[in-house]
C-alpha atoms as a PDB file:
ATOM      1  CA  VAL A   1      23.092 -47.931  54.255  1.00  0.00           C
ATOM      2  CA  SER A   2      26.904 -47.389  54.087  1.00  0.00           C
ATOM      3  CA  THR A   3      29.356 -49.861  53.131  1.00  0.00           C
ATOM      4  CA  GLN A   4      32.212 -48.066  54.502  1.00  0.00           C
ATOM      5  CA  SER A   5      33.819 -49.911  57.629  1.00  0.00           C
ATOM      6  CA  THR A   6      34.594 -47.782  60.541  1.00  0.00           C
ATOM      7  CA  TRP A   7      38.098 -48.536  62.757  1.00  0.00           C
ATOM      8  CA  GLY A   8      36.315 -50.480  64.994  1.00  0.00           C
ATOM      9  CA  ASP A   9      34.649 -52.643  62.383  1.00  0.00           C
ATOM     10  CA  ASP A  10      37.847 -53.307  60.982  1.00  0.00           C
ATOM     11  CA  LEU A  11      39.647 -54.236  64.533  1.00  0.00           C
ATOM     12  CA  PHE A  12      36.709 -56.600  65.313  1.00  0.00           C
ATOM     13  CA  GLN A  13      37.069 -58.130  62.065  1.00  0.00           C
ATOM     14  CA  GLU A  14      40.835 -58.508  62.664  1.00  0.00           C
ATOM     15  CA  LEU A  15      40.355 -60.074  65.808  1.00  0.00           C
ATOM     16  CA  GLU A  16      37.833 -62.547  64.561  1.00  0.00           C
ATOM     17  CA  LYS A  17      40.550 -63.745  62.227  1.00  0.00           C
ATOM     18  CA  LYS A  18      43.504 -64.139  64.417  1.00  0.00           C
ATOM     19  CA  ALA A  19      41.729 -65.162  67.612  1.00  0.00           C
ATOM     20  CA  PRO A  20      38.477 -66.639  67.095  1.00  0.00           C
ATOM     21  CA  GLU A  21      38.185 -67.718  70.589  1.00  0.00           C
ATOM     22  CA  LEU A  22      38.485 -64.411  72.021  1.00  0.00           C
ATOM     23  CA  SER A  23      36.188 -63.024  69.334  1.00  0.00           C
ATOM     24  CA  ARG A  24      33.335 -65.389  70.393  1.00  0.00           C
ATOM     25  CA  ALA A  25      33.801 -63.830  73.937  1.00  0.00           C
ATOM     26  CA  VAL A  26      33.388 -59.950  72.430  1.00  0.00           C
ATOM     27  CA  THR A  27      29.908 -59.795  71.529  1.00  0.00           C
ATOM     28  CA  SER A  28      30.248 -56.611  69.505  1.00  0.00           C
ATOM     29  CA  GLN A  29      32.597 -53.950  68.385  1.00  0.00           C
ATOM     30  CA  ARG A  30      31.481 -51.902  71.185  1.00  0.00           C
ATOM     31  CA  ASP A  31      32.952 -53.946  73.541  1.00  0.00           C
ATOM     32  CA  LEU A  32      36.416 -53.369  72.071  1.00  0.00           C
ATOM     33  CA  MET A  33      36.016 -49.448  72.559  1.00  0.00           C
ATOM     34  CA  CYS A  34      37.899 -48.180  75.430  1.00  0.00           C
ATOM     35  CA  GLU A  35      38.907 -44.728  76.343  1.00  0.00           C
ATOM     36  CA  VAL A  36      42.532 -43.694  75.917  1.00  0.00           C
ATOM     37  CA  VAL A  37      44.027 -40.334  76.862  1.00  0.00           C
ATOM     38  CA  MET A  38      47.766 -40.027  76.012  1.00  0.00           C
ATOM     39  CA  PHE A  39      50.497 -37.882  76.898  1.00  0.00           C
ATOM     40  CA  SER A  40      53.416 -38.288  74.328  1.00  0.00           C
ATOM     41  CA  GLY A  41      56.940 -36.813  74.928  1.00  0.00           C
ATOM     42  CA  CYS A  42      57.021 -34.401  71.931  1.00  0.00           C
ATOM     43  CA  MET A  43      55.491 -33.871  68.472  1.00  0.00           C
ATOM     44  CA  ASP A  44      56.116 -36.276  65.679  1.00  0.00           C
ATOM     45  CA  GLN A  45      58.954 -34.533  64.044  1.00  0.00           C
ATOM     46  CA  GLN A  46      60.785 -34.112  67.495  1.00  0.00           C
ATOM     47  CA  THR A  47      62.776 -36.688  69.773  1.00  0.00           C
ATOM     48  CA  SER A  48      61.780 -37.120  73.257  1.00  0.00           C
ATOM     49  CA  ALA A  49      64.985 -36.420  75.661  1.00  0.00           C
ATOM     50  CA  ASP A  50      66.139 -38.694  78.427  1.00  0.00           C
ATOM     51  CA  VAL A  51      67.734 -37.260  81.612  1.00  0.00           C
ATOM     52  CA  GLY A  52      70.902 -39.125  82.994  1.00  0.00           C
ATOM     53  CA  ASN A  53      70.154 -37.708  86.522  1.00  0.00           C
ATOM     54  CA  VAL A  54      66.734 -36.851  86.895  1.00  0.00           C
ATOM     55  CA  ASN A  55      66.983 -35.964  90.722  1.00  0.00           C
ATOM     56  CA  ALA A  56      69.616 -33.296  89.686  1.00  0.00           C
ATOM     57  CA  VAL A  57      67.294 -31.628  86.743  1.00  0.00           C
ATOM     58  CA  PHE A  58      63.808 -32.292  88.251  1.00  0.00           C
ATOM     59  CA  GLN A  59      64.309 -32.252  91.899  1.00  0.00           C
ATOM     60  CA  LEU A  60      61.601 -34.635  92.835  1.00  0.00           C
ATOM     61  CA  PRO A  61      60.542 -35.534  96.124  1.00  0.00           C
ATOM     62  CA  ALA A  62      62.167 -38.666  97.326  1.00  0.00           C
ATOM     63  CA  ASP A  63      58.867 -40.438  97.563  1.00  0.00           C
ATOM     64  CA  VAL A  64      58.319 -39.929  93.739  1.00  0.00           C
ATOM     65  CA  GLY A  65      60.598 -42.825  92.508  1.00  0.00           C
ATOM     66  CA  PRO A  66      64.357 -44.098  92.883  1.00  0.00           C
ATOM     67  CA  GLY A  67      65.818 -41.305  90.496  1.00  0.00           C
ATOM     68  CA  GLY A  68      68.436 -42.122  88.125  1.00  0.00           C
ATOM     69  CA  ALA A  69      67.750 -41.819  84.351  1.00  0.00           C
ATOM     70  CA  GLY A  70      64.586 -41.168  83.068  1.00  0.00           C
ATOM     71  CA  GLY A  71      62.547 -39.663  80.386  1.00  0.00           C
ATOM     72  CA  ALA A  72      62.173 -35.923  80.395  1.00  0.00           C
ATOM     73  CA  LEU A  73      58.227 -35.960  80.172  1.00  0.00           C
ATOM     74  CA  THR A  74      57.726 -38.481  82.711  1.00  0.00           C
ATOM     75  CA  ASN A  75      59.606 -36.747  85.245  1.00  0.00           C
ATOM     76  CA  ALA A  76      58.099 -33.255  84.497  1.00  0.00           C
ATOM     77  CA  LEU A  77      54.626 -35.051  84.662  1.00  0.00           C
ATOM     78  CA  LEU A  78      55.516 -36.398  87.896  1.00  0.00           C
ATOM     79  CA  LYS A  79      57.083 -33.186  89.390  1.00  0.00           C
ATOM     80  CA  VAL A  80      53.639 -31.269  88.266  1.00  0.00           C
ATOM     81  CA  LEU A  81      51.671 -34.363  89.871  1.00  0.00           C
ATOM     82  CA  ALA A  82      53.683 -34.255  92.854  1.00  0.00           C
ATOM     83  CA  GLN A  83      52.328 -30.734  93.477  1.00  0.00           C
ATOM     84  CA  GLY A  84      49.129 -32.039  94.284  1.00  0.00           C
ATOM     85  CA  GLY A  85      45.635 -30.295  93.472  1.00  0.00           C
ATOM     86  CA  GLU A  86      43.217 -31.416  90.931  1.00  0.00           C
ATOM     87  CA  PRO A  87      44.387 -29.902  87.888  1.00  0.00           C
ATOM     88  CA  THR A  88      42.486 -30.247  84.452  1.00  0.00           C
ATOM     89  CA  PHE A  89      44.028 -32.072  81.500  1.00  0.00           C
ATOM     90  CA  ILE A  90      45.118 -28.694  80.077  1.00  0.00           C
ATOM     91  CA  GLN A  91      46.599 -27.621  83.136  1.00  0.00           C
ATOM     92  CA  VAL A  92      48.878 -30.552  83.306  1.00  0.00           C
ATOM     93  CA  LEU A  93      49.929 -30.355  79.696  1.00  0.00           C
ATOM     94  CA  GLU A  94      50.762 -26.458  80.117  1.00  0.00           C
ATOM     95  CA  GLN A  95      52.347 -26.980  83.152  1.00  0.00           C
ATOM     96  CA  VAL A  96      54.679 -29.841  81.786  1.00  0.00           C
ATOM     97  CA  ARG A  97      55.327 -27.888  78.785  1.00  0.00           C
ATOM     98  CA  SER A  98      56.316 -24.943  80.739  1.00  0.00           C
ATOM     99  CA  MET A  99      58.752 -26.913  83.001  1.00  0.00           C
ATOM    100  CA  LEU A 100      60.391 -28.372  80.090  1.00  0.00           C
ATOM    101  CA  GLU A 101      61.025 -25.013  78.200  1.00  0.00           C
ATOM    102  CA  GLN A 102      62.462 -23.633  81.703  1.00  0.00           C
ATOM    103  CA  LEU A 103      64.872 -26.488  81.885  1.00  0.00           C
ATOM    104  CA  LYS A 104      66.049 -25.828  78.170  1.00  0.00           C
ATOM    105  CA  PHE A 105      64.258 -29.188  76.734  1.00  0.00           C
ATOM    106  CA  THR A 106      63.143 -28.385  73.223  1.00  0.00           C
ATOM    107  CA  GLN A 107      60.369 -30.981  72.929  1.00  0.00           C
ATOM    108  CA  ILE A 108      56.982 -30.030  72.877  1.00  0.00           C
ATOM    109  CA  PRO A 109      54.629 -32.509  74.582  1.00  0.00           C
ATOM    110  CA  GLN A 110      51.146 -33.535  72.982  1.00  0.00           C
ATOM    111  CA  LEU A 111      48.137 -34.613  74.388  1.00  0.00           C
ATOM    112  CA  SER A 112      45.869 -37.225  72.301  1.00  0.00           C
ATOM    113  CA  SER A 113      42.792 -38.997  73.246  1.00  0.00           C
ATOM    114  CA  SER A 114      40.614 -41.789  71.526  1.00  0.00           C
ATOM    115  CA  VAL A 115      37.169 -39.839  72.738  1.00  0.00           C
ATOM    116  CA  ASN A 116      36.209 -36.252  72.991  1.00  0.00           C
ATOM    117  CA  ILE A 117      37.182 -34.685  76.262  1.00  0.00           C
ATOM    118  CA  ASP A 118      36.703 -30.963  77.565  1.00  0.00           C
ATOM    119  CA  VAL A 119      40.565 -30.616  78.373  1.00  0.00           C
ATOM    120  CA  GLN A 120      39.496 -27.166  79.916  1.00  0.00           C
ATOM    121  CA  SER A 121      37.304 -28.548  82.702  1.00  0.00           C
ATOM    122  CA  GLU A 122      38.005 -32.168  82.903  1.00  0.00           C
ATOM    123  CA  LYS A 123      40.270 -33.170  85.945  1.00  0.00           C
ATOM    124  CA  PHE A 124      43.342 -35.160  85.082  1.00  0.00           C
ATOM    125  CA  TYR A 125      43.093 -38.827  86.116  1.00  0.00           C
ATOM    126  CA  PHE A 126      44.986 -42.170  85.733  1.00  0.00           C
ATOM    127  CA  VAL A 127      41.847 -44.316  85.819  1.00  0.00           C
ATOM    128  CA  PRO A 128      38.568 -42.951  84.677  1.00  0.00           C
ATOM    129  CA  SER A 129      36.077 -42.714  87.631  1.00  0.00           C
END
């Protein structure tokens, strides 16, 4: 029997200390587990760029948002997704990276996940089905 705790064990123990009434509702550490897939704007040693006029830079469709200022990754992602289709996670990442590079941004977006996903074949989603 291992005496090492896992991240989930530590999280559950912390929850019990800080919110005992909530921890009673969460019957096990398994209830705390969730799936998180995240695009970040850049690598750890980089800075994500902001854009003063996203409409001028990204030429987004009018129904995508109000325009104005915004993040380079956010707007590149919106532009890629506005093209439609059912791209995989890796296709979205590669298209966003390519777009930012073409627009002379130096940041390199990253994709992280709390669970193993097949980025080559799994379709991009906002909410898992």
